[in-house]
């Protein structure tokens, strides 16, 4: 039986980075992945959706080129070629992960991982397919799966292909005649944005009274109005009752409605997935299907860690990266602890939305005494130079008692690329007088954060 210092089950962002860091730290490491390295994020999530969204942005720029003095004619969109390009991007990046594993000396098993239990020597025994291996430490990084709400006809719709998950919709070679998105969270909004941008009639059905989950209310309202102008339809505070072949039945304050469509996207969220792992063999504690972890990412069983979506904390790839580093540092005896207060989130719609920390509403709900400042993006010269009739803005939330920034929300171009700077401000807890001394390059859109700071 092969023995390792660390066995990692799951090859997504948390898993492969954990394996890379562990091997780089001198630990003999095995990585077990049942399908493709890169997990959901790289193969059917973060990366492929960004590839499609970028192509849609190019299409929109070409259509509206005359507004910028660029004259075009006969602008068409070839979805099949876009999907072909997406596949090439994914293949290149997956190959890169494989090359990294090889370079670091990580032994990769392409198989289903299943925990057998503990050996007489105290090591963790795990099946990689039919082969039994053992390790001194074990990392669970099995990610998440599409949440399936108890809706009549949902499973039949999935079986027939009328209902799609993010996996299937990213591989469609033809655009649907119409699309209904079940859920107005990040996945639903990004896919709705893409298909609406290339001419598909899209309806978003969301059970909550707002889209985009915990995102700042004003940003949600502005984003929704932006897409309503382009023809997207939103049904809020609506409950899906049934899915039939070619139609969705939902209920809202006005009663029951049946909406015909050619395809349905199931985008009602994700759930931690530890299916088939046999965690019971080790007695690993779970809550509502997610693995319970402490600040070092260690589970209730010493030597067993859980990183990424499977622990149900923040289902973001970059959160998984950081959790993986914390777990490996704990194994190596390097002081470290996971913090979630300054983890940024992004919605890659057009315009982009990015946020970190608290909104005014969430801060006040926690009893904080805060001041919020909102600055329109038109305060940025570069934003005005590049954007026609944009209504983006920046908000900063400041804790008056602790003299520190506790939240930043952005809506507009480059928001995804700017938010890390705001996250750094929160993480370092620099006082306002220090933040005001930071020099921003000019002209840049990120100067909007400086403008907001000086209005506090």
Foldseek 3Di string as FASTA:
>chain_A
DAEWAEEEEAQALLRLLLQLVLLVVVTAYEYAHQAAHRPCCLQQHVQLLVLLQVLLVVLVCQVPVVVVPDDDPPRADQQLVSLVVSVVSSVVVSVVSVVSCVVSNYHYQNAHKAWPAADPVGWTWIDRHPDIYTHNFYEYEHAWDFDDDPAACPVVCVVVVQEDESRVVSNDRDQWQAEEEEAQAQVSVSVQLSNLSNPHAYEYEHLAQFHHPPPDPVVRVVVVVVVVVSRYHYHYNKAWHHDDQQWTWIAHPVGIDIGGTRHYYYPHDIAADPPNHPCVSHPWDDDPQAGDAAFLQATPGPRYGYAACRNPDDRDSVRSSVSSVSNSCVVVVHDDTDDQQLDKDWRVHVFIKIKGFDDPVVCVVVVFDKDKFKDFLVVAPVQPVVDDPDGKIKMWIAGPVLQATGMIITTGPCNVVQSVVVSVRNVVRDGLVVVLPDDDDPRDSSCRVNVRSVVD
